[in-house]
Amino acid sequence: MRLVPKRLRWFGLGAAAAWLFDPEKGHARRTQIADRSSAALRKAGRKMEGRSQYMADKVQGLGHKLDPHGENGESAAAGAVEPASRASMPGV
């Protein structure tokens, strides 16, 4: 009984190899598979990048909720340099 599934697997592997390495259309099929695979990887990468940015923003927001005035009791924006004053700095 166990030989039937094993033989079917080998038959399926042989059929897949014949389909992929067909002299007429095999190259086009392999190229299409490669293109679709790389597109799927790029899409997954963009999705993961978006999710990681979302989580980073969420953590930053929680930090502001927990300590809205900073460690020294100052405003969080107090340490930031405003564009107008930054432009008047020498060497900037």
N, C-alpha and C. Protein backbone atom coordinates (compact mmCIF):
# COMPACT_ATOMS: atom_id res chain seq x y z
N MET A 1 0.82 -1.20 0.00
CA MET A 1 0.00 0.00 0.00
C MET A 1 0.86 1.26 0.00
N ARG A 2 2.00 1.20 0.64
CA ARG A 2 2.84 2.38 0.76
C ARG A 2 3.54 2.73 -0.56
N LEU A 3 3.68 1.77 -1.47
CA LEU A 3 4.36 2.03 -2.73
C LEU A 3 3.56 2.95 -3.64
N VAL A 4 2.26 2.92 -3.53
CA VAL A 4 1.44 3.73 -4.42
C VAL A 4 1.70 5.23 -4.20
N PRO A 5 1.65 5.74 -2.97
CA PRO A 5 1.93 7.16 -2.79
C PRO A 5 3.37 7.52 -3.19
N LYS A 6 4.32 6.62 -2.94
CA LYS A 6 5.71 6.88 -3.29
C LYS A 6 5.86 6.96 -4.81
N ARG A 7 5.22 6.08 -5.50
CA ARG A 7 5.28 6.09 -6.96
C ARG A 7 4.58 7.31 -7.53
N LEU A 8 3.46 7.68 -6.91
CA LEU A 8 2.76 8.88 -7.38
C LEU A 8 3.61 10.14 -7.18
N ARG A 9 4.35 10.19 -6.08
CA ARG A 9 5.25 11.33 -5.87
C ARG A 9 6.32 11.40 -6.94
N TRP A 10 6.91 10.26 -7.28
CA TRP A 10 7.93 10.24 -8.32
C TRP A 10 7.34 10.60 -9.68
N PHE A 11 6.13 10.13 -9.92
CA PHE A 11 5.46 10.47 -11.17
C PHE A 11 5.20 11.98 -11.24
N GLY A 12 4.74 12.54 -10.15
CA GLY A 12 4.48 13.99 -10.10
C GLY A 12 5.76 14.79 -10.25
N LEU A 13 6.84 14.33 -9.64
CA LEU A 13 8.13 15.02 -9.76
C LEU A 13 8.63 14.96 -11.20
N GLY A 14 8.47 13.83 -11.84
CA GLY A 14 8.87 13.69 -13.24
C GLY A 14 8.04 14.57 -14.15
N ALA A 15 6.74 14.63 -13.90
CA ALA A 15 5.86 15.47 -14.71
C ALA A 15 6.22 16.95 -14.54
N ALA A 16 6.52 17.35 -13.30
CA ALA A 16 6.91 18.75 -13.05
C ALA A 16 8.23 19.08 -13.74
N ALA A 17 9.18 18.16 -13.69
CA ALA A 17 10.46 18.38 -14.36
C ALA A 17 10.27 18.47 -15.87
N ALA A 18 9.44 17.62 -16.43
CA ALA A 18 9.18 17.67 -17.87
C ALA A 18 8.51 18.99 -18.25
N TRP A 19 7.61 19.47 -17.41
CA TRP A 19 6.91 20.72 -17.68
C TRP A 19 7.87 21.91 -17.61
N LEU A 20 8.76 21.89 -16.60
CA LEU A 20 9.70 23.01 -16.43
C LEU A 20 10.82 23.01 -17.46
N PHE A 21 11.28 21.83 -17.84
CA PHE A 21 12.43 21.75 -18.75
C PHE A 21 12.03 21.41 -20.18
N ASP A 22 10.79 21.69 -20.52
CA ASP A 22 10.30 21.53 -21.89
C ASP A 22 11.14 22.40 -22.82
N PRO A 23 11.67 21.84 -23.93
CA PRO A 23 12.54 22.63 -24.80
C PRO A 23 11.85 23.83 -25.46
N GLU A 24 10.55 23.75 -25.65
CA GLU A 24 9.86 24.84 -26.33
C GLU A 24 9.44 25.97 -25.40
N LYS A 25 8.83 25.66 -24.28
CA LYS A 25 8.31 26.69 -23.39
C LYS A 25 8.87 26.65 -21.97
N GLY A 26 9.79 25.76 -21.71
CA GLY A 26 10.33 25.61 -20.36
C GLY A 26 11.03 26.86 -19.85
N HIS A 27 11.82 27.50 -20.73
CA HIS A 27 12.54 28.71 -20.31
C HIS A 27 11.56 29.81 -19.91
N ALA A 28 10.51 29.99 -20.68
CA ALA A 28 9.51 31.01 -20.37
C ALA A 28 8.80 30.69 -19.05
N ARG A 29 8.52 29.42 -18.82
CA ARG A 29 7.86 29.03 -17.57
C ARG A 29 8.77 29.28 -16.37
N ARG A 30 10.05 28.92 -16.50
CA ARG A 30 10.99 29.14 -15.40
C ARG A 30 11.15 30.64 -15.12
N THR A 31 11.20 31.44 -16.18
CA THR A 31 11.31 32.89 -16.02
C THR A 31 10.08 33.46 -15.34
N GLN A 32 8.91 32.98 -15.72
CA GLN A 32 7.67 33.44 -15.11
C GLN A 32 7.64 33.09 -13.62
N ILE A 33 8.06 31.88 -13.28
CA ILE A 33 8.10 31.46 -11.88
C ILE A 33 9.06 32.34 -11.09
N ALA A 34 10.23 32.62 -11.67
CA ALA A 34 11.21 33.47 -10.99
C ALA A 34 10.67 34.88 -10.80
N ASP A 35 10.01 35.43 -11.80
CA ASP A 35 9.44 36.78 -11.71
C ASP A 35 8.36 36.85 -10.64
N ARG A 36 7.48 35.87 -10.64
CA ARG A 36 6.40 35.87 -9.65
C ARG A 36 6.94 35.68 -8.23
N SER A 37 7.97 34.84 -8.10
CA SER A 37 8.57 34.62 -6.77
C SER A 37 9.22 35.89 -6.25
N SER A 38 9.98 36.57 -7.11
CA SER A 38 10.64 37.80 -6.65
C SER A 38 9.63 38.89 -6.36
N ALA A 39 8.55 38.96 -7.12
CA ALA A 39 7.49 39.94 -6.85
C ALA A 39 6.83 39.65 -5.50
N ALA A 40 6.58 38.38 -5.22
CA ALA A 40 5.97 38.02 -3.94
C ALA A 40 6.90 38.36 -2.78
N LEU A 41 8.20 38.15 -2.96
CA LEU A 41 9.17 38.49 -1.90
C LEU A 41 9.23 40.00 -1.69
N ARG A 42 9.22 40.78 -2.78
CA ARG A 42 9.22 42.24 -2.64
C ARG A 42 7.97 42.72 -1.92
N LYS A 43 6.83 42.16 -2.27
CA LYS A 43 5.57 42.54 -1.64
C LYS A 43 5.59 42.21 -0.14
N ALA A 44 6.09 41.03 0.19
CA ALA A 44 6.18 40.64 1.60
C ALA A 44 7.14 41.56 2.35
N GLY A 45 8.24 41.93 1.71
CA GLY A 45 9.20 42.84 2.34
C GLY A 45 8.60 44.20 2.61
N ARG A 46 7.85 44.73 1.65
CA ARG A 46 7.19 46.03 1.85
C ARG A 46 6.15 45.95 2.96
N LYS A 47 5.44 44.83 3.01
CA LYS A 47 4.43 44.66 4.04
C LYS A 47 5.08 44.60 5.43
N MET A 48 6.18 43.87 5.54
CA MET A 48 6.88 43.78 6.82
C MET A 48 7.48 45.12 7.22
N GLU A 49 7.99 45.86 6.25
CA GLU A 49 8.54 47.18 6.53
C GLU A 49 7.44 48.11 7.06
N GLY A 50 6.28 48.06 6.45
CA GLY A 50 5.16 48.87 6.91
C GLY A 50 4.72 48.48 8.31
N ARG A 51 4.68 47.20 8.58
CA ARG A 51 4.27 46.75 9.91
C ARG A 51 5.28 47.14 10.97
N SER A 52 6.57 47.05 10.64
CA SER A 52 7.59 47.41 11.62
C SER A 52 7.55 48.91 11.88
N GLN A 53 7.30 49.73 10.86
CA GLN A 53 7.18 51.17 11.05
C GLN A 53 5.96 51.49 11.92
N TYR A 54 4.88 50.79 11.68
CA TYR A 54 3.67 50.98 12.48
C TYR A 54 3.95 50.67 13.95
N MET A 55 4.63 49.56 14.20
CA MET A 55 4.93 49.19 15.59
C MET A 55 5.89 50.18 16.24
N ALA A 56 6.88 50.66 15.48
CA ALA A 56 7.81 51.66 16.02
C ALA A 56 7.06 52.94 16.39
N ASP A 57 6.14 53.37 15.54
CA ASP A 57 5.34 54.56 15.83
C ASP A 57 4.45 54.34 17.04
N LYS A 58 3.91 53.14 17.15
CA LYS A 58 3.04 52.83 18.28
C LYS A 58 3.83 52.85 19.59
N VAL A 59 5.03 52.31 19.58
CA VAL A 59 5.88 52.31 20.78
C VAL A 59 6.27 53.75 21.14
N GLN A 60 6.60 54.54 20.13
CA GLN A 60 6.94 55.94 20.39
C GLN A 60 5.75 56.68 21.00
N GLY A 61 4.57 56.42 20.50
CA GLY A 61 3.36 57.04 21.05
C GLY A 61 3.12 56.63 22.49
N LEU A 62 3.36 55.37 22.80
CA LEU A 62 3.21 54.91 24.18
C LEU A 62 4.22 55.59 25.09
N GLY A 63 5.43 55.80 24.57
CA GLY A 63 6.44 56.51 25.35
C GLY A 63 6.01 57.93 25.67
N HIS A 64 5.38 58.59 24.71
CA HIS A 64 4.89 59.95 24.96
C HIS A 64 3.72 59.95 25.93
N LYS A 65 2.91 58.93 25.89
CA LYS A 65 1.79 58.85 26.85
C LYS A 65 2.30 58.63 28.27
N LEU A 66 3.34 57.82 28.40
CA LEU A 66 3.87 57.51 29.73
C LEU A 66 4.65 58.67 30.32
N ASP A 67 5.36 59.43 29.49
CA ASP A 67 6.19 60.52 29.97
C ASP A 67 6.05 61.71 29.01
N PRO A 68 4.93 62.42 29.08
CA PRO A 68 4.68 63.47 28.09
C PRO A 68 5.62 64.68 28.20
N HIS A 69 6.26 64.88 29.35
CA HIS A 69 7.12 66.05 29.53
C HIS A 69 8.60 65.72 29.49
N GLY A 70 8.96 64.53 29.15
CA GLY A 70 10.37 64.15 29.09
C GLY A 70 10.90 63.79 30.47
N GLU A 71 12.15 63.41 30.55
CA GLU A 71 12.75 62.96 31.81
C GLU A 71 12.94 64.09 32.82
N ASN A 72 13.25 65.29 32.36
CA ASN A 72 13.55 66.41 33.26
C ASN A 72 12.36 67.32 33.49
N GLY A 73 11.21 66.90 33.10
CA GLY A 73 10.03 67.74 33.27
C GLY A 73 9.90 68.77 32.16
N GLU A 74 10.77 68.69 31.13
CA GLU A 74 10.69 69.63 30.02
C GLU A 74 9.77 69.09 28.94
N SER A 75 9.38 69.95 28.08
CA SER A 75 8.59 69.54 26.94
C SER A 75 9.44 68.67 26.03
N ALA A 76 8.84 67.71 25.37
CA ALA A 76 9.58 66.83 24.46
C ALA A 76 10.17 67.61 23.30
N ALA A 77 9.52 68.69 22.91
CA ALA A 77 9.99 69.49 21.78
C ALA A 77 11.04 70.52 22.20
N ALA A 78 11.32 70.67 23.50
CA ALA A 78 12.25 71.69 23.96
C ALA A 78 13.66 71.42 23.45
N GLY A 79 14.04 70.17 23.30
CA GLY A 79 15.38 69.85 22.84
C GLY A 79 15.54 69.95 21.34
N ALA A 80 14.45 70.07 20.62
CA ALA A 80 14.51 70.13 19.16
C ALA A 80 14.91 71.52 18.70
N VAL A 81 15.67 71.57 17.62
CA VAL A 81 16.10 72.84 17.05
C VAL A 81 15.10 73.23 15.98
N GLU A 82 14.59 74.44 16.09
CA GLU A 82 13.62 74.91 15.10
C GLU A 82 14.34 75.29 13.82
N PRO A 83 13.68 75.16 12.66
CA PRO A 83 14.33 75.47 11.38
C PRO A 83 14.86 76.90 11.29
N ALA A 84 14.14 77.89 11.83
CA ALA A 84 14.58 79.29 11.72
C ALA A 84 15.87 79.51 12.50
N SER A 85 15.95 78.99 13.73
CA SER A 85 17.16 79.18 14.53
C SER A 85 18.32 78.33 13.99
N ARG A 86 18.02 77.21 13.41
CA ARG A 86 19.05 76.36 12.86
C ARG A 86 19.73 77.03 11.66
N ALA A 87 18.95 77.73 10.86
CA ALA A 87 19.50 78.40 9.69
C ALA A 87 20.44 79.52 10.08
N SER A 88 20.24 80.13 11.26
CA SER A 88 21.11 81.21 11.68
C SER A 88 22.39 80.72 12.35
N MET A 89 22.54 79.42 12.57
CA MET A 89 23.75 78.88 13.19
C MET A 89 24.91 78.90 12.19
N PRO A 90 26.10 79.24 12.66
CA PRO A 90 27.25 79.21 11.76
C PRO A 90 27.62 77.77 11.39
N GLY A 91 27.98 77.59 10.16
CA GLY A 91 28.41 76.26 9.70
C GLY A 91 27.28 75.33 9.36
N VAL A 92 26.06 75.78 9.37
CA VAL A 92 24.93 74.91 9.06
C VAL A 92 24.41 75.22 7.68
